[in-house]
PDB file of N, CA and C in Angstrom:
ATOM      1  N   UNK A   1       0.823  -1.190   0.000  1.00  0.00           N
ATOM      2  CA  UNK A   1       0.000   0.000   0.000  1.00  0.00           C
ATOM      3  C   UNK A   1       0.869   1.256   0.000  1.00  0.00           C
ATOM      4  N   UNK A   2       1.932   1.229   0.774  1.00  0.00           N
ATOM      5  CA  UNK A   2       2.781   2.410   0.872  1.00  0.00           C
ATOM      6  C   UNK A   2       3.486   2.682  -0.454  1.00  0.00           C
ATOM      7  N   UNK A   3       3.860   1.624  -1.168  1.00  0.00           N
ATOM      8  CA  UNK A   3       4.504   1.802  -2.471  1.00  0.00           C
ATOM      9  C   UNK A   3       3.542   2.419  -3.482  1.00  0.00           C
ATOM     10  N   UNK A   4       2.307   1.975  -3.447  1.00  0.00           N
ATOM     11  CA  UNK A   4       1.296   2.523  -4.340  1.00  0.00           C
ATOM     12  C   UNK A   4       1.069   4.008  -4.055  1.00  0.00           C
ATOM     13  N   UNK A   5       1.035   4.366  -2.783  1.00  0.00           N
ATOM     14  CA  UNK A   5       0.833   5.760  -2.401  1.00  0.00           C
ATOM     15  C   UNK A   5       1.995   6.620  -2.892  1.00  0.00           C
ATOM     16  N   UNK A   6       3.232   6.123  -2.735  1.00  0.00           N
ATOM     17  CA  UNK A   6       4.382   6.890  -3.207  1.00  0.00           C
ATOM     18  C   UNK A   6       4.353   7.043  -4.726  1.00  0.00           C
ATOM     19  N   UNK A   7       4.013   5.968  -5.435  1.00  0.00           N
ATOM     20  CA  UNK A   7       3.954   6.030  -6.890  1.00  0.00           C
ATOM     21  C   UNK A   7       2.912   7.053  -7.343  1.00  0.00           C
ATOM     22  N   UNK A   8       1.757   7.050  -6.698  1.00  0.00           N
ATOM     23  CA  UNK A   8       0.713   8.005  -7.033  1.00  0.00           C
ATOM     24  C   UNK A   8       1.188   9.435  -6.767  1.00  0.00           C
ATOM     25  N   UNK A   9       1.847   9.655  -5.629  1.00  0.00           N
ATOM     26  CA  UNK A   9       2.362  10.987  -5.324  1.00  0.00           C
ATOM     27  C   UNK A   9       3.406  11.421  -6.344  1.00  0.00           C
ATOM     28  N   UNK A  10       4.321  10.526  -6.696  1.00  0.00           N
ATOM     29  CA  UNK A  10       5.381  10.905  -7.632  1.00  0.00           C
ATOM     30  C   UNK A  10       4.823  11.244  -9.007  1.00  0.00           C
ATOM     31  N   UNK A  11       3.690  10.664  -9.357  1.00  0.00           N
ATOM     32  CA  UNK A  11       3.089  10.954 -10.651  1.00  0.00           C
ATOM     33  C   UNK A  11       2.222  12.216 -10.625  1.00  0.00           C
ATOM     34  N   UNK A  12       1.600  12.504  -9.493  1.00  0.00           N
ATOM     35  CA  UNK A  12       0.659  13.622  -9.439  1.00  0.00           C
ATOM     36  C   UNK A  12       1.206  14.840  -8.706  1.00  0.00           C
ATOM     37  N   UNK A  13       2.081  14.628  -7.723  1.00  0.00           N
ATOM     38  CA  UNK A  13       2.584  15.731  -6.914  1.00  0.00           C
ATOM     39  C   UNK A  13       1.548  16.248  -5.919  1.00  0.00           C
ATOM     40  N   UNK A  14       0.484  15.472  -5.705  1.00  0.00           N
ATOM     41  CA  UNK A  14      -0.600  15.878  -4.808  1.00  0.00           C
ATOM     42  C   UNK A  14      -0.135  15.829  -3.355  1.00  0.00           C
ATOM     43  N   UNK A  15      -0.249  16.957  -2.649  1.00  0.00           N
ATOM     44  CA  UNK A  15       0.222  17.048  -1.266  1.00  0.00           C
ATOM     45  C   UNK A  15      -0.568  16.133  -0.330  1.00  0.00           C
ATOM     46  N   UNK A  16      -1.846  15.958  -0.581  1.00  0.00           N
ATOM     47  CA  UNK A  16      -2.663  15.070   0.258  1.00  0.00           C
ATOM     48  C   UNK A  16      -2.158  13.625   0.158  1.00  0.00           C
ATOM     49  N   UNK A  17      -1.753  13.227  -1.030  1.00  0.00           N
ATOM     50  CA  UNK A  17      -1.219  11.876  -1.225  1.00  0.00           C
ATOM     51  C   UNK A  17       0.101  11.727  -0.484  1.00  0.00           C
ATOM     52  N   UNK A  18       0.924  12.783  -0.510  1.00  0.00           N
ATOM     53  CA  UNK A  18       2.191  12.755   0.215  1.00  0.00           C
ATOM     54  C   UNK A  18       1.958  12.634   1.718  1.00  0.00           C
ATOM     55  N   UNK A  19       1.005  13.379   2.230  1.00  0.00           N
ATOM     56  CA  UNK A  19       0.697  13.313   3.659  1.00  0.00           C
ATOM     57  C   UNK A  19       0.193  11.925   4.051  1.00  0.00           C
ATOM     58  N   UNK A  20      -0.610  11.317   3.184  1.00  0.00           N
ATOM     59  CA  UNK A  20      -1.053   9.946   3.432  1.00  0.00           C
ATOM     60  C   UNK A  20       0.135   8.999   3.439  1.00  0.00           C
ATOM     61  N   UNK A  21       1.045   9.190   2.493  1.00  0.00           N
ATOM     62  CA  UNK A  21       2.261   8.371   2.430  1.00  0.00           C
ATOM     63  C   UNK A  21       3.051   8.472   3.728  1.00  0.00           C
ATOM     64  N   UNK A  22       3.243   9.689   4.221  1.00  0.00           N
ATOM     65  CA  UNK A  22       4.005   9.884   5.451  1.00  0.00           C
ATOM     66  C   UNK A  22       3.304   9.254   6.648  1.00  0.00           C
ATOM     67  N   UNK A  23       1.972   9.317   6.671  1.00  0.00           N
ATOM     68  CA  UNK A  23       1.218   8.701   7.755  1.00  0.00           C
ATOM     69  C   UNK A  23       1.383   7.181   7.721  1.00  0.00           C
ATOM     70  N   UNK A  24       1.279   6.608   6.551  1.00  0.00           N
ATOM     71  CA  UNK A  24       1.454   5.160   6.406  1.00  0.00           C
ATOM     72  C   UNK A  24       2.875   4.749   6.768  1.00  0.00           C
ATOM     73  N   UNK A  25       3.834   5.546   6.359  1.00  0.00           N
ATOM     74  CA  UNK A  25       5.234   5.266   6.665  1.00  0.00           C
ATOM     75  C   UNK A  25       5.463   5.282   8.175  1.00  0.00           C
ATOM     76  N   UNK A  26       4.869   6.255   8.842  1.00  0.00           N
ATOM     77  CA  UNK A  26       4.998   6.367  10.290  1.00  0.00           C
ATOM     78  C   UNK A  26       4.371   5.156  10.995  1.00  0.00           C
ATOM     79  N   UNK A  27       3.184   4.772  10.544  1.00  0.00           N
ATOM     80  CA  UNK A  27       2.510   3.607  11.131  1.00  0.00           C
ATOM     81  C   UNK A  27       3.303   2.339  10.891  1.00  0.00           C
ATOM     82  N   UNK A  28       3.885   2.210   9.713  1.00  0.00           N
ATOM     83  CA  UNK A  28       4.663   1.023   9.398  1.00  0.00           C
ATOM     84  C   UNK A  28       5.895   0.946  10.295  1.00  0.00           C
ATOM     85  N   UNK A  29       6.550   2.058  10.519  1.00  0.00           N
ATOM     86  CA  UNK A  29       7.709   2.094  11.399  1.00  0.00           C
ATOM     87  C   UNK A  29       7.338   1.726  12.818  1.00  0.00           C
ATOM     88  N   UNK A  30       6.194   2.220  13.287  1.00  0.00           N
ATOM     89  CA  UNK A  30       5.723   1.903  14.630  1.00  0.00           C
ATOM     90  C   UNK A  30       5.379   0.421  14.733  1.00  0.00           C
ATOM     91  N   UNK A  31       4.759  -0.133  13.710  1.00  0.00           N
ATOM     92  CA  UNK A  31       4.393  -1.552  13.699  1.00  0.00           C
ATOM     93  C   UNK A  31       5.644  -2.416  13.721  1.00  0.00           C
ATOM     94  N   UNK A  32       6.647  -2.067  12.931  1.00  0.00           N
ATOM     95  CA  UNK A  32       7.887  -2.838  12.915  1.00  0.00           C
ATOM     96  C   UNK A  32       8.562  -2.800  14.273  1.00  0.00           C
ATOM     97  N   UNK A  33       8.548  -1.658  14.949  1.00  0.00           N
ATOM     98  CA  UNK A  33       9.144  -1.539  16.268  1.00  0.00           C
ATOM     99  C   UNK A  33       8.390  -2.413  17.262  1.00  0.00           C
ATOM    100  N   UNK A  34       7.062  -2.397  17.202  1.00  0.00           N
ATOM    101  CA  UNK A  34       6.258  -3.206  18.107  1.00  0.00           C
ATOM    102  C   UNK A  34       6.504  -4.690  17.868  1.00  0.00           C
ATOM    103  N   UNK A  35       6.640  -5.078  16.620  1.00  0.00           N
ATOM    104  CA  UNK A  35       6.890  -6.480  16.300  1.00  0.00           C
ATOM    105  C   UNK A  35       8.235  -6.911  16.865  1.00  0.00           C
ATOM    106  N   UNK A  36       9.255  -6.055  16.789  1.00  0.00           N
ATOM    107  CA  UNK A  36      10.566  -6.391  17.320  1.00  0.00           C
ATOM    108  C   UNK A  36      10.501  -6.557  18.830  1.00  0.00           C
ATOM    109  N   UNK A  37       9.744  -5.699  19.511  1.00  0.00           N
ATOM    110  CA  UNK A  37       9.587  -5.824  20.958  1.00  0.00           C
ATOM    111  C   UNK A  37       8.963  -7.168  21.311  1.00  0.00           C
ATOM    112  N   UNK A  38       7.924  -7.566  20.572  1.00  0.00           N
ATOM    113  CA  UNK A  38       7.255  -8.832  20.833  1.00  0.00           C
ATOM    114  C   UNK A  38       8.169 -10.010  20.585  1.00  0.00           C
ATOM    115  N   UNK A  39       9.018  -9.929  19.570  1.00  0.00           N
ATOM    116  CA  UNK A  39       9.962 -11.009  19.288  1.00  0.00           C
ATOM    117  C   UNK A  39      10.952 -11.161  20.421  1.00  0.00           C
ATOM    118  N   UNK A  40      11.394 -10.054  21.002  1.00  0.00           N
ATOM    119  CA  UNK A  40      12.340 -10.111  22.101  1.00  0.00           C
ATOM    120  C   UNK A  40      11.700 -10.707  23.339  1.00  0.00           C
ATOM    121  N   UNK A  41      10.427 -10.440  23.558  1.00  0.00           N
ATOM    122  CA  UNK A  41       9.756 -10.939  24.744  1.00  0.00           C
ATOM    123  C   UNK A  41       9.450 -12.430  24.641  1.00  0.00           C
ATOM    124  N   UNK A  42       9.071 -12.904  23.434  1.00  0.00           N
ATOM    125  CA  UNK A  42       8.710 -14.307  23.279  1.00  0.00           C
ATOM    126  C   UNK A  42       9.247 -14.848  21.959  1.00  0.00           C
ATOM    127  N   UNK A  43      10.522 -15.207  21.915  1.00  0.00           N
ATOM    128  CA  UNK A  43      11.132 -15.639  20.667  1.00  0.00           C
ATOM    129  C   UNK A  43      10.614 -16.995  20.165  1.00  0.00           C
ATOM    130  N   UNK A  44       9.941 -17.770  20.998  1.00  0.00           N
ATOM    131  CA  UNK A  44       9.458 -19.075  20.580  1.00  0.00           C
ATOM    132  C   UNK A  44       8.170 -19.006  19.797  1.00  0.00           C
ATOM    133  N   UNK A  45       7.447 -17.913  19.869  1.00  0.00           N
ATOM    134  CA  UNK A  45       6.177 -17.761  19.170  1.00  0.00           C
ATOM    135  C   UNK A  45       6.423 -17.164  17.788  1.00  0.00           C
ATOM    136  N   UNK A  46       6.553 -18.037  16.796  1.00  0.00           N
ATOM    137  CA  UNK A  46       6.763 -17.580  15.432  1.00  0.00           C
ATOM    138  C   UNK A  46       5.761 -18.253  14.513  1.00  0.00           C
ATOM    139  N   UNK A  47       5.464 -17.588  13.407  1.00  0.00           N
ATOM    140  CA  UNK A  47       4.548 -18.124  12.384  1.00  0.00           C
ATOM    141  C   UNK A  47       3.198 -18.520  12.942  1.00  0.00           C
ATOM    142  N   UNK A  48       2.617 -17.633  13.722  1.00  0.00           N
ATOM    143  CA  UNK A  48       1.293 -17.931  14.290  1.00  0.00           C
ATOM    144  C   UNK A  48       0.220 -17.719  13.304  1.00  0.00           C
TER     145      UNK A  48
END
């Protein structure tokens, strides 16, 4: 989804699309950080 948003922004230059891209990017970074925390707490729980 984030790649599609960036592609759309690069083609249109629409500021609203860029802001959506940045929001998605921020959420993705937060999700990756949360996932790393969970892996450290319980390394045996994989591929659930």
